[in-house]
Amino acid sequence: MSIHHLQLWVPDLGRAEVSWGWLLGRLGYQLERSWEHGRLWREDASAIVIEESPDMVPGMLYSRLRPGLNHVAFHVGNTDDLEHLLLDGPGYGWRPIGDDQRHPVGGHHAVGYLEDADGFEVELVAPDAAGGRPRVR
């Protein structure tokens, strides 16, 4: 089974729409629905929702370092795609972070990490028969 949808509450929908919209589009998701407080992107049977919910507690910001969701990991087609995402990300509100050589997935994967302005982290995992790291400069 796959995840039906993942919903992220964000403090600034406009800012999140730029960063998440770019990333999800590059990963093959299509914007399917927009409403006053949110956006929904779909890829096959799974969806990602970002929402600036009026139900959020004011002043409480997300932190991946507290209990809760630490990050979301996405499949990336290949190491060239991974490298381009890491290089292009800063133009869309993402910054490359970390270079953890330990990876729980194991095997032959290249992995990169991005963080947006609100502290959300994504892990990008590409198959790599050589087991190498992305060649980001």
Protein backbone atom coordinates (compact mmCIF):
# COMPACT_ATOMS: atom_id res chain seq x y z
CA MET A 1 0.00 0.00 0.00
CA SER A 2 1.06 3.57 -0.54
CA ILE A 3 0.32 6.75 1.36
CA HIS A 4 -2.97 8.32 0.26
CA HIS A 5 -1.88 11.87 1.12
CA LEU A 6 0.42 13.86 3.32
CA GLN A 7 -0.76 17.23 4.63
CA LEU A 8 1.65 19.89 5.85
CA TRP A 9 0.44 22.96 7.71
CA VAL A 10 2.62 25.91 6.74
CA PRO A 11 2.86 29.41 8.21
CA ASP A 12 2.96 31.16 4.81
CA LEU A 13 1.04 29.60 1.91
CA GLY A 14 2.53 31.90 -0.73
CA ARG A 15 6.10 31.09 0.27
CA ALA A 16 5.35 27.37 0.55
CA GLU A 17 3.61 27.35 -2.82
CA VAL A 18 6.80 28.62 -4.47
CA SER A 19 9.13 26.09 -2.81
CA TRP A 20 6.84 23.04 -2.63
CA GLY A 21 5.18 23.78 -5.98
CA TRP A 22 8.56 23.81 -7.73
CA LEU A 23 9.83 20.67 -5.99
CA LEU A 24 6.65 18.66 -6.43
CA GLY A 25 6.42 19.68 -10.08
CA ARG A 26 9.99 18.51 -10.66
CA LEU A 27 9.14 15.19 -8.96
CA GLY A 28 6.18 14.59 -11.29
CA TYR A 29 3.30 15.85 -9.13
CA GLN A 30 0.57 17.91 -10.78
CA LEU A 31 -1.31 20.73 -9.08
CA GLU A 32 -4.83 19.34 -8.84
CA ARG A 33 -6.68 21.67 -6.52
CA SER A 34 -6.34 25.16 -5.07
CA TRP A 35 -8.44 26.84 -2.40
CA GLU A 36 -8.08 29.93 -0.23
CA HIS A 37 -5.88 28.27 2.38
CA GLY A 38 -4.28 25.38 0.52
CA ARG A 39 -3.01 23.52 -2.51
CA LEU A 40 -3.05 19.83 -3.44
CA TRP A 41 -0.58 18.12 -5.79
CA ARG A 42 -1.13 14.55 -6.97
CA GLU A 43 1.13 11.89 -8.46
CA ASP A 44 -0.66 8.64 -9.27
CA ALA A 45 -2.61 7.61 -6.16
CA SER A 46 -0.72 9.80 -3.67
CA ALA A 47 -1.16 13.49 -2.89
CA ILE A 48 0.72 16.19 -1.02
CA VAL A 49 -1.28 19.03 0.55
CA ILE A 50 0.10 22.29 1.89
CA GLU A 51 -2.27 24.40 3.91
CA GLU A 52 -2.10 27.64 5.87
CA SER A 53 -4.91 26.45 8.07
CA PRO A 54 -6.95 28.96 10.06
CA ASP A 55 -7.00 26.26 12.77
CA MET A 56 -3.23 26.52 13.43
CA VAL A 57 -2.16 27.68 16.86
CA PRO A 58 -0.74 31.21 16.40
CA GLY A 59 2.99 31.58 17.02
CA MET A 60 3.78 27.86 17.08
CA LEU A 61 6.19 27.09 14.26
CA TYR A 62 7.21 23.70 12.95
CA SER A 63 10.53 22.16 13.99
CA ARG A 64 11.83 18.87 12.60
CA LEU A 65 13.93 18.61 15.76
CA ARG A 66 10.88 18.15 18.02
CA PRO A 67 8.73 15.02 18.26
CA GLY A 68 6.68 14.61 15.12
CA LEU A 69 7.50 14.44 11.44
CA ASN A 70 11.24 14.84 10.84
CA HIS A 71 11.29 14.80 7.03
CA VAL A 72 9.66 13.49 3.88
CA ALA A 73 11.72 11.29 1.51
CA PHE A 74 11.04 11.22 -2.21
CA HIS A 75 12.24 8.94 -4.99
CA VAL A 76 14.28 10.73 -7.65
CA GLY A 77 14.79 9.17 -11.08
CA ASN A 78 18.58 9.21 -11.18
CA THR A 79 21.68 10.92 -9.80
CA ASP A 80 21.64 13.61 -12.52
CA ASP A 81 18.08 14.57 -11.49
CA LEU A 82 19.20 14.61 -7.86
CA GLU A 83 22.14 16.85 -8.64
CA HIS A 84 19.93 19.30 -10.55
CA LEU A 85 17.40 19.46 -7.71
CA LEU A 86 20.14 20.27 -5.23
CA LEU A 87 21.65 22.91 -7.52
CA ASP A 88 18.33 24.53 -8.53
CA GLY A 89 16.63 24.36 -5.12
CA PRO A 90 18.04 27.62 -3.71
CA GLY A 91 16.31 29.57 -6.48
CA TYR A 92 12.98 28.28 -5.14
CA GLY A 93 13.45 28.71 -1.41
CA TRP A 94 15.30 25.47 -0.60
CA ARG A 95 18.81 25.16 0.79
CA PRO A 96 20.95 22.03 0.70
CA ILE A 97 21.64 20.68 4.18
CA GLY A 98 23.82 18.00 5.68
CA ASP A 99 25.58 15.12 4.07
CA ASP A 100 24.80 12.19 6.35
CA GLN A 101 26.79 9.23 5.05
CA ARG A 102 24.64 6.83 7.13
CA HIS A 103 21.42 6.03 5.36
CA PRO A 104 18.78 3.63 6.71
CA VAL A 105 17.65 2.60 3.22
CA GLY A 106 21.11 1.16 2.60
CA GLY A 107 22.21 -0.33 -0.67
CA HIS A 108 23.15 1.65 -3.72
CA HIS A 109 21.51 5.03 -3.38
CA ALA A 110 22.64 8.62 -3.73
CA VAL A 111 20.92 10.91 -1.25
CA GLY A 112 20.53 14.67 -0.97
CA TYR A 113 18.77 16.86 1.57
CA LEU A 114 16.95 20.19 1.19
CA GLU A 115 15.30 22.44 3.78
CA ASP A 116 12.78 25.19 3.05
CA ALA A 117 12.43 28.58 4.76
CA ASP A 118 9.98 27.12 7.29
CA GLY A 119 12.31 24.29 8.35
CA PHE A 120 10.67 21.44 6.43
CA GLU A 121 13.27 18.92 5.26
CA VAL A 122 13.04 16.68 2.24
CA GLU A 123 15.31 13.77 1.50
CA LEU A 124 15.85 12.96 -2.16
CA VAL A 125 16.87 9.37 -2.90
CA ALA A 126 18.15 8.28 -6.31
CA PRO A 127 19.27 4.82 -7.42
CA ASP A 128 23.01 4.72 -7.99
CA ALA A 129 24.67 1.43 -8.89
CA ALA A 130 28.03 2.89 -7.87
CA GLY A 131 26.70 3.83 -4.41
CA GLY A 132 28.13 7.32 -4.79
CA ARG A 133 27.16 10.72 -3.51
CA PRO A 134 25.66 13.51 -5.63
CA ARG A 135 28.32 15.58 -7.36
CA VAL A 136 27.00 18.97 -6.25
CA ARG A 137 29.53 21.75 -6.38
